N, C-alpha and C. Protein backbone atom coordinates (compact mmCIF):
# COMPACT_ATOMS: atom_id res chain seq x y z
N MET A 1 98.21 116.32 91.70
CA MET A 1 97.22 116.45 92.26
C MET A 1 96.42 115.23 92.48
N VAL A 2 96.46 114.65 93.27
CA VAL A 2 96.34 113.45 94.14
C VAL A 2 94.65 112.98 93.88
N ARG A 3 93.98 111.68 94.31
CA ARG A 3 92.19 111.62 94.33
C ARG A 3 92.98 110.82 95.15
N ILE A 4 92.01 111.18 96.47
CA ILE A 4 92.29 110.11 97.85
C ILE A 4 90.81 109.70 97.93
N LEU A 5 90.47 108.96 97.96
CA LEU A 5 88.94 108.01 98.63
C LEU A 5 89.53 107.69 100.22
N GLY A 6 88.52 108.13 101.05
CA GLY A 6 88.64 107.69 102.51
C GLY A 6 87.30 106.98 103.00
N VAL A 7 87.84 106.00 103.70
CA VAL A 7 86.42 105.47 104.37
C VAL A 7 86.46 105.41 105.28
N ASP A 8 85.00 105.41 106.11
CA ASP A 8 85.09 105.23 107.60
C ASP A 8 83.72 104.03 107.92
N PRO A 9 84.62 102.98 108.27
CA PRO A 9 84.28 101.15 107.72
C PRO A 9 82.90 101.42 109.17
N GLY A 10 81.68 99.87 108.51
CA GLY A 10 80.87 100.02 109.86
C GLY A 10 80.19 98.73 109.04
N SER A 11 79.76 97.96 109.88
CA SER A 11 79.17 96.94 109.20
C SER A 11 77.52 96.76 108.60
N ARG A 12 76.92 97.72 109.29
CA ARG A 12 75.92 98.06 108.88
C ARG A 12 75.89 99.20 107.75
N VAL A 13 76.55 100.73 108.18
CA VAL A 13 77.01 101.63 107.57
C VAL A 13 78.50 101.45 106.73
N THR A 14 78.91 102.40 105.93
CA THR A 14 80.15 102.88 105.39
C THR A 14 79.90 103.81 104.46
N GLY A 15 80.58 104.64 105.01
CA GLY A 15 80.77 105.98 104.80
C GLY A 15 81.73 105.91 104.08
N TYR A 16 82.37 106.55 102.17
CA TYR A 16 82.57 107.27 101.38
C TYR A 16 83.07 108.59 100.99
N GLY A 17 84.35 108.86 100.76
CA GLY A 17 84.43 110.06 100.45
C GLY A 17 85.73 110.38 99.85
N ILE A 18 85.32 110.70 98.05
CA ILE A 18 86.78 110.82 97.69
C ILE A 18 86.85 112.90 97.68
N VAL A 19 87.79 113.26 97.98
CA VAL A 19 88.88 114.15 97.36
C VAL A 19 90.16 114.65 96.42
N ASP A 20 90.31 115.79 95.94
CA ASP A 20 91.24 115.79 94.96
C ASP A 20 92.00 116.79 95.90
N PHE A 21 93.54 116.43 95.85
CA PHE A 21 93.86 116.61 96.92
C PHE A 21 95.25 118.14 95.96
N ASP A 22 95.94 118.90 95.74
CA ASP A 22 96.98 119.50 95.34
C ASP A 22 98.20 119.93 95.83
N GLY A 23 98.11 119.73 97.24
CA GLY A 23 98.66 119.45 98.34
C GLY A 23 98.89 120.97 99.00
N GLN A 24 98.08 121.67 98.81
CA GLN A 24 97.41 122.75 99.84
C GLN A 24 96.02 122.65 99.85
N LYS A 25 95.18 121.87 99.27
CA LYS A 25 93.81 122.30 99.32
C LYS A 25 92.64 121.14 98.48
N PRO A 26 91.85 120.31 99.55
CA PRO A 26 91.06 119.10 99.33
C PRO A 26 89.55 120.09 98.24
N VAL A 27 89.62 119.59 96.87
CA VAL A 27 88.05 119.73 96.66
C VAL A 27 87.65 118.69 96.22
N TYR A 28 86.84 118.79 96.99
CA TYR A 28 85.10 118.04 97.10
C TYR A 28 84.60 116.99 95.91
N VAL A 29 84.94 115.87 95.38
CA VAL A 29 84.75 115.25 94.21
C VAL A 29 82.75 114.04 94.25
N THR A 30 83.54 113.85 95.47
CA THR A 30 81.77 112.68 96.08
C THR A 30 81.57 112.23 97.12
N SER A 31 81.15 112.00 98.11
CA SER A 31 80.63 111.39 99.10
C SER A 31 79.21 110.76 99.35
N GLY A 32 79.10 109.74 100.07
CA GLY A 32 78.04 108.84 100.16
C GLY A 32 78.33 107.66 101.07
N CYS A 33 77.43 106.90 101.42
CA CYS A 33 77.21 106.27 102.77
C CYS A 33 76.42 104.69 101.44
N ILE A 34 77.23 103.43 101.62
CA ILE A 34 76.97 102.54 101.80
C ILE A 34 76.13 101.77 102.83
N ARG A 35 75.12 101.38 102.82
CA ARG A 35 74.14 100.51 103.68
C ARG A 35 74.13 98.74 102.94
N THR A 36 74.50 98.50 104.13
CA THR A 36 74.53 96.89 104.24
C THR A 36 73.42 96.09 103.82
N GLY A 37 71.99 96.27 105.15
CA GLY A 37 71.08 95.81 105.11
C GLY A 37 71.28 94.84 105.99
N LYS A 38 70.14 94.22 105.48
CA LYS A 38 70.31 93.17 107.13
C LYS A 38 70.26 92.15 106.96
N ALA A 39 71.03 91.57 106.01
CA ALA A 39 71.34 90.45 105.76
C ALA A 39 72.85 90.33 106.96
N GLU A 40 73.13 88.55 107.26
CA GLU A 40 74.18 88.20 108.18
C GLU A 40 74.98 88.87 107.37
N LEU A 41 76.57 88.74 108.49
CA LEU A 41 77.64 89.32 108.47
C LEU A 41 78.25 89.08 107.30
N PRO A 42 78.25 87.67 107.33
CA PRO A 42 79.70 87.73 105.62
C PRO A 42 78.49 88.20 104.26
N GLY A 43 77.26 88.45 104.17
CA GLY A 43 76.14 89.28 102.84
C GLY A 43 77.19 90.19 103.38
N ARG A 44 76.86 90.91 104.10
CA ARG A 44 76.79 92.80 104.52
C ARG A 44 78.56 92.79 104.10
N LEU A 45 79.51 91.81 103.99
CA LEU A 45 80.77 92.48 103.95
C LEU A 45 81.06 92.21 102.99
N LYS A 46 80.07 91.60 102.01
CA LYS A 46 80.13 91.12 99.99
C LYS A 46 80.23 92.77 99.56
N VAL A 47 78.48 92.89 100.83
CA VAL A 47 78.35 94.47 99.87
C VAL A 47 79.56 95.23 100.20
N ILE A 48 79.94 95.80 100.91
CA ILE A 48 80.60 96.70 101.40
C ILE A 48 82.17 96.59 100.40
N PHE A 49 82.73 95.51 100.28
CA PHE A 49 83.44 95.11 99.20
C PHE A 49 83.45 95.12 97.81
N GLU A 50 81.84 95.03 97.17
CA GLU A 50 81.55 95.11 95.70
C GLU A 50 81.01 96.62 95.24
N SER A 51 80.66 96.91 96.54
CA SER A 51 80.42 98.99 96.34
C SER A 51 81.84 99.32 96.03
N LEU A 52 82.38 99.62 97.36
CA LEU A 52 83.92 100.18 97.11
C LEU A 52 84.69 99.76 96.13
N LEU A 53 84.37 98.27 95.42
CA LEU A 53 85.13 98.41 94.04
C LEU A 53 84.93 99.08 92.87
N GLU A 54 83.81 98.89 93.12
CA GLU A 54 82.47 99.80 92.42
C GLU A 54 82.73 101.07 92.32
N ILE A 55 82.63 102.05 93.83
CA ILE A 55 83.27 103.03 94.03
C ILE A 55 85.18 103.51 93.47
N ILE A 56 85.19 102.81 93.36
CA ILE A 56 87.22 102.98 92.85
C ILE A 56 87.07 102.89 91.52
N GLN A 57 86.81 102.22 90.97
CA GLN A 57 86.41 102.48 89.13
C GLN A 57 85.48 102.82 88.40
N THR A 58 85.02 104.10 89.57
CA THR A 58 84.03 104.73 88.82
C THR A 58 84.98 106.02 88.73
N TYR A 59 85.47 105.88 89.84
CA TYR A 59 85.86 107.55 90.10
C TYR A 59 87.86 107.32 90.31
N GLN A 60 88.36 106.36 90.31
CA GLN A 60 89.87 106.07 90.11
C GLN A 60 90.98 106.70 90.70
N PRO A 61 90.06 106.66 92.50
CA PRO A 61 91.19 107.09 93.10
C PRO A 61 92.16 106.81 92.97
N GLU A 62 93.61 107.70 93.55
CA GLU A 62 95.06 107.00 93.11
C GLU A 62 95.41 106.52 95.07
N GLU A 63 94.50 106.35 96.37
CA GLU A 63 95.49 106.91 97.29
C GLU A 63 94.07 106.13 98.34
N PHE A 64 94.30 105.58 98.86
CA PHE A 64 92.67 104.90 100.15
C PHE A 64 93.55 105.60 101.14
N SER A 65 92.56 105.73 102.46
CA SER A 65 93.13 106.04 103.61
C SER A 65 91.89 105.49 104.12
N ILE A 66 91.81 105.03 105.34
CA ILE A 66 90.32 104.83 106.37
C ILE A 66 91.21 104.20 107.65
N GLU A 67 89.85 104.73 108.09
CA GLU A 67 89.73 104.89 110.21
C GLU A 67 90.51 103.34 110.84
N ASN A 68 91.18 103.74 111.51
CA ASN A 68 91.87 102.97 112.17
C ASN A 68 90.83 102.48 113.05
N VAL A 69 90.91 100.98 114.00
CA VAL A 69 90.20 100.58 114.82
C VAL A 69 89.93 101.23 115.90
N PHE A 70 89.21 101.16 116.43
CA PHE A 70 89.45 102.18 118.05
C PHE A 70 88.35 100.85 118.67
N MET A 71 89.01 101.35 120.18
CA MET A 71 88.68 99.95 121.41
C MET A 71 87.10 100.32 121.89
N SER A 72 86.42 99.58 121.70
CA SER A 72 84.90 99.28 122.09
C SER A 72 84.65 98.44 123.22
N LYS A 73 83.67 99.52 124.25
CA LYS A 73 82.75 98.54 125.28
C LYS A 73 82.61 97.13 124.89
N ASN A 74 82.54 97.05 123.96
CA ASN A 74 81.32 95.54 123.20
C ASN A 74 82.23 95.08 121.87
N ALA A 75 82.85 94.05 122.61
CA ALA A 75 84.14 93.21 121.77
C ALA A 75 83.31 92.69 120.52
N GLY A 76 82.34 92.00 120.72
CA GLY A 76 81.39 92.00 119.58
C GLY A 76 81.70 92.98 118.29
N SER A 77 80.83 94.47 118.85
CA SER A 77 80.61 95.43 117.75
C SER A 77 81.98 95.38 117.56
N ALA A 78 83.08 95.51 118.29
CA ALA A 78 84.70 95.77 117.70
C ALA A 78 84.85 94.85 116.36
N LEU A 79 84.81 93.76 116.93
CA LEU A 79 84.87 92.76 115.51
C LEU A 79 84.46 92.49 114.57
N LYS A 80 83.52 93.03 114.22
CA LYS A 80 82.54 92.93 113.69
C LYS A 80 82.86 94.71 112.53
N LEU A 81 83.53 95.68 113.47
CA LEU A 81 84.25 96.10 113.36
C LEU A 81 85.44 96.70 112.05
N GLY A 82 86.31 95.47 112.85
CA GLY A 82 87.79 95.23 112.21
C GLY A 82 87.35 94.22 110.71
N GLN A 83 85.95 93.61 110.54
CA GLN A 83 85.92 92.47 109.44
C GLN A 83 84.84 94.10 108.39
N ALA A 84 84.49 94.19 108.91
CA ALA A 84 84.31 95.69 107.72
C ALA A 84 85.43 96.32 107.24
N ARG A 85 86.27 96.31 108.01
CA ARG A 85 87.57 97.66 108.22
C ARG A 85 88.25 96.10 106.52
N GLY A 86 88.16 95.12 107.44
CA GLY A 86 89.21 94.17 106.11
C GLY A 86 88.23 94.05 104.98
N ALA A 87 87.05 93.90 105.06
CA ALA A 87 86.71 94.16 103.71
C ALA A 87 86.85 95.23 102.73
N ALA A 88 86.46 96.80 103.57
CA ALA A 88 86.99 98.09 102.99
C ALA A 88 88.88 97.35 102.43
N ILE A 89 89.47 97.70 103.25
CA ILE A 89 90.50 97.67 102.88
C ILE A 89 91.32 96.33 101.58
N CYS A 90 90.26 95.32 101.69
CA CYS A 90 90.47 94.59 100.14
C CYS A 90 90.16 94.92 99.55
N ALA A 91 89.02 95.59 99.20
CA ALA A 91 88.74 96.05 98.02
C ALA A 91 89.68 97.21 97.93
N GLY A 92 90.54 98.26 98.29
CA GLY A 92 91.57 98.95 97.98
C GLY A 92 92.74 97.90 97.06
N VAL A 93 93.05 97.02 98.07
CA VAL A 93 94.37 96.50 98.00
C VAL A 93 93.74 95.44 96.35
N TYR A 94 93.32 95.37 96.29
CA TYR A 94 92.28 94.90 95.58
C TYR A 94 92.50 95.54 93.87
N GLN A 95 92.27 97.06 93.99
CA GLN A 95 92.51 97.87 92.91
C GLN A 95 93.82 97.90 93.20
N ASP A 96 95.19 97.71 94.21
CA ASP A 96 95.97 98.22 93.92
C ASP A 96 96.39 99.64 94.01
N LEU A 97 95.73 99.98 94.78
CA LEU A 97 95.98 100.70 96.26
C LEU A 97 96.54 100.91 96.72
N PRO A 98 97.55 102.26 97.25
CA PRO A 98 98.42 102.28 98.81
C PRO A 98 97.04 102.25 100.16
N VAL A 99 97.18 101.99 101.18
CA VAL A 99 95.96 101.94 102.38
C VAL A 99 97.09 102.50 103.31
N TYR A 100 96.69 103.71 103.42
CA TYR A 100 96.92 104.55 105.06
C TYR A 100 95.93 104.25 105.98
N GLU A 101 96.10 104.24 106.93
CA GLU A 101 95.66 104.17 108.32
C GLU A 101 95.27 105.33 109.01
N TYR A 102 94.23 105.82 109.52
CA TYR A 102 94.52 106.83 110.38
C TYR A 102 93.71 106.86 112.32
N THR A 103 94.19 107.33 113.19
CA THR A 103 93.60 106.87 114.38
C THR A 103 91.86 107.58 114.16
N PRO A 104 90.64 107.05 114.99
CA PRO A 104 90.34 108.49 115.27
C PRO A 104 90.51 110.27 115.21
N ARG A 105 91.41 110.06 116.18
CA ARG A 105 91.64 111.48 117.09
C ARG A 105 93.01 111.82 116.08
N GLN A 106 93.68 111.19 115.60
CA GLN A 106 94.54 111.75 114.16
C GLN A 106 93.41 112.35 113.36
N ILE A 107 92.66 111.72 112.74
CA ILE A 107 91.53 112.49 112.10
C ILE A 107 90.70 113.58 112.01
N LYS A 108 90.41 113.51 113.85
CA LYS A 108 89.76 115.19 114.12
C LYS A 108 90.87 116.38 113.95
N LEU A 109 91.72 115.90 115.11
CA LEU A 109 92.64 116.76 115.11
C LEU A 109 93.30 117.30 113.72
N ALA A 110 93.37 116.59 112.31
CA ALA A 110 93.90 117.28 111.24
C ALA A 110 92.74 117.93 110.74
N VAL A 111 91.41 117.89 110.91
CA VAL A 111 90.67 118.55 110.50
C VAL A 111 89.62 119.53 110.89
N VAL A 112 89.67 119.32 112.28
CA VAL A 112 88.80 120.31 113.48
C VAL A 112 89.93 121.06 114.43
N GLY A 113 91.02 120.03 114.68
CA GLY A 113 92.25 120.77 115.49
C GLY A 113 91.29 120.02 116.63
N TYR A 114 90.82 119.57 117.02
CA TYR A 114 90.65 119.23 118.64
C TYR A 114 90.04 117.87 118.55
N GLY A 115 91.21 116.63 118.95
CA GLY A 115 91.19 115.05 119.07
C GLY A 115 90.17 114.17 119.76
N ALA A 116 89.22 115.06 120.11
CA ALA A 116 88.37 114.58 120.21
C ALA A 116 86.85 115.22 120.31
N ALA A 117 86.73 116.15 119.03
CA ALA A 117 85.53 116.02 118.51
C ALA A 117 84.70 115.50 118.42
N ASP A 118 83.31 115.86 118.55
CA ASP A 118 82.16 115.83 118.46
C ASP A 118 81.73 115.13 116.67
N LYS A 119 81.11 114.37 116.57
CA LYS A 119 80.47 114.08 114.73
C LYS A 119 80.09 115.51 114.72
N THR A 120 79.26 115.96 115.24
CA THR A 120 78.56 117.57 114.63
C THR A 120 79.23 118.57 113.95
N GLN A 121 80.99 117.81 114.82
CA GLN A 121 81.95 118.84 114.71
C GLN A 121 82.44 119.02 112.99
N VAL A 122 82.87 117.77 113.28
CA VAL A 122 83.31 117.35 111.96
C VAL A 122 82.22 117.09 110.63
N GLN A 123 81.56 117.14 111.02
CA GLN A 123 80.58 117.52 109.65
C GLN A 123 80.39 118.78 109.35
N HIS A 124 80.02 119.52 110.33
CA HIS A 124 80.66 121.17 110.12
C HIS A 124 81.35 121.36 109.56
N MET A 125 82.84 121.19 109.78
CA MET A 125 83.81 121.66 109.41
C MET A 125 84.16 120.92 107.69
N MET A 126 83.51 119.86 107.58
CA MET A 126 83.81 119.43 106.60
C MET A 126 83.30 120.00 105.72
N CYS A 127 82.09 120.38 105.58
CA CYS A 127 80.62 121.12 104.90
C CYS A 127 82.17 122.64 104.67
N SER A 128 82.13 123.61 105.79
CA SER A 128 83.07 124.07 105.67
C SER A 128 84.62 124.31 104.80
N ILE A 129 85.62 122.92 105.21
CA ILE A 129 86.50 123.53 104.15
C ILE A 129 86.47 123.06 103.02
N LEU A 130 85.47 121.65 102.50
CA LEU A 130 85.19 121.84 101.04
C LEU A 130 84.23 122.05 100.68
N GLY A 131 83.37 123.35 101.53
CA GLY A 131 82.67 124.49 100.38
C GLY A 131 80.91 123.78 100.26
N ILE A 132 80.61 122.38 100.64
CA ILE A 132 79.50 122.25 100.67
C ILE A 132 78.40 122.67 101.17
N GLN A 133 76.95 123.00 100.51
CA GLN A 133 76.31 123.31 101.25
C GLN A 133 75.03 122.99 101.89
N GLY A 134 74.74 122.80 102.90
CA GLY A 134 73.82 121.99 103.25
C GLY A 134 74.74 121.24 104.60
N SER A 135 73.97 119.85 104.71
CA SER A 135 74.37 118.83 105.73
C SER A 135 75.46 117.71 105.08
N LEU A 136 76.54 116.62 105.43
CA LEU A 136 76.76 115.96 105.09
C LEU A 136 76.34 114.86 106.31
N GLN A 137 75.54 113.53 105.33
CA GLN A 137 75.34 112.20 106.36
C GLN A 137 76.47 112.27 107.72
N GLU A 138 76.85 111.50 108.89
CA GLU A 138 77.46 111.33 109.60
C GLU A 138 78.61 110.64 109.02
N ASP A 139 79.03 109.36 108.61
CA ASP A 139 79.33 108.46 107.92
C ASP A 139 80.07 109.14 106.54
N ALA A 140 79.80 109.79 105.96
CA ALA A 140 79.93 110.55 105.03
C ALA A 140 81.35 111.54 105.70
N ALA A 141 80.38 112.13 106.23
CA ALA A 141 81.49 113.36 106.77
C ALA A 141 82.85 112.88 107.50
N ASP A 142 82.41 111.54 107.83
CA ASP A 142 84.15 111.12 108.77
C ASP A 142 84.46 110.65 107.68
N ALA A 143 84.34 110.06 106.56
CA ALA A 143 85.18 109.39 105.89
C ALA A 143 85.70 110.24 104.55
N LEU A 144 84.78 111.73 104.57
CA LEU A 144 85.78 112.80 103.89
C LEU A 144 86.95 113.40 104.89
N ALA A 145 86.50 113.32 106.04
CA ALA A 145 87.69 113.58 107.03
C ALA A 145 88.75 112.91 107.28
N GLY A 146 88.69 111.84 106.76
CA GLY A 146 89.71 110.60 106.56
C GLY A 146 90.62 110.63 105.41
N ALA A 147 89.81 111.01 104.64
CA ALA A 147 90.49 111.12 102.91
C ALA A 147 91.35 112.68 103.32
N VAL A 148 90.49 113.91 103.82
CA VAL A 148 91.15 115.32 103.92
C VAL A 148 92.48 114.66 105.06
N CYS A 149 92.18 113.74 105.89
CA CYS A 149 93.52 113.79 107.16
C CYS A 149 94.68 113.54 106.07
N HIS A 150 94.68 112.38 105.39
CA HIS A 150 95.09 112.24 104.69
C HIS A 150 96.21 113.27 103.66
N GLY A 151 95.19 113.83 103.23
CA GLY A 151 96.09 114.58 102.27
C GLY A 151 96.75 115.59 103.31
N HIS A 152 96.32 115.83 104.24
CA HIS A 152 97.21 116.94 104.65
C HIS A 152 98.77 115.69 105.41
N ALA A 153 98.54 115.28 105.32
CA ALA A 153 99.39 113.83 105.76
C ALA A 153 101.20 113.84 104.86
N ARG A 154 100.56 113.52 103.60
CA ARG A 154 101.14 113.27 102.35
C ARG A 154 101.83 114.79 102.55
N ARG A 155 101.12 116.10 102.34
CA ARG A 155 102.07 117.24 102.35
C ARG A 155 103.24 117.15 102.98
N ASN A 156 103.30 116.87 104.15
CA ASN A 156 103.80 117.67 105.53
C ASN A 156 105.25 116.51 105.29
N LEU A 157 104.45 115.13 104.42
CA LEU A 157 106.17 113.69 104.39
C LEU A 157 106.44 114.07 103.56
N ALA A 158 105.73 115.44 102.40
CA ALA A 158 106.37 115.81 101.21
C ALA A 158 107.63 117.19 101.66
N LEU A 159 107.04 117.95 102.62
CA LEU A 159 107.34 119.05 102.96
C LEU A 159 108.84 118.18 103.74
N GLN A 160 109.01 117.25 104.67
CA GLN A 160 109.91 116.84 105.85
C GLN A 160 110.41 116.20 104.85
N SER A 161 109.96 115.73 103.37
CA SER A 161 111.49 115.21 102.94
C SER A 161 111.58 116.10 101.76
N SER A 162 111.89 117.55 101.43
CA SER A 162 112.18 118.12 100.69
C SER A 162 113.55 119.02 101.23
N LYS A 163 113.80 118.73 102.57
CA LYS A 163 114.23 119.38 103.58
C LYS A 163 115.62 119.25 104.22
């Protein structure tokens, strides 16, 4: 059993989700959103870093999965997203976690079966796969999807290496 932290980075809202994965089925542990407020960007990056450190220390994940940068029409937004990713990755590396990166398409394909799925489809599938009653916030669902995607990727790599 491995505990995986998934992160959906954002400069205003960063989603996180943790699952335990036994090689077959993910088990929900926790999820939520880090809201950085209206501070200047350096202050928001600090909030992301410190909040993820606390989550890592509390839940003790063994691996870290994060969504890779996608191309945006707005270069400024893409740069801020990249900086939020950097703060999140630094928190994981600071706690000696191996970091794995997946594109949004890889994550959606792994959990929905369709690489261009919309956010509501991801939310629905995360509730279904993890047995969550009610609904999940978009960013938390995306983070959980990243953790589940990594769990499946780990399983596939283990199967290939055992052949």
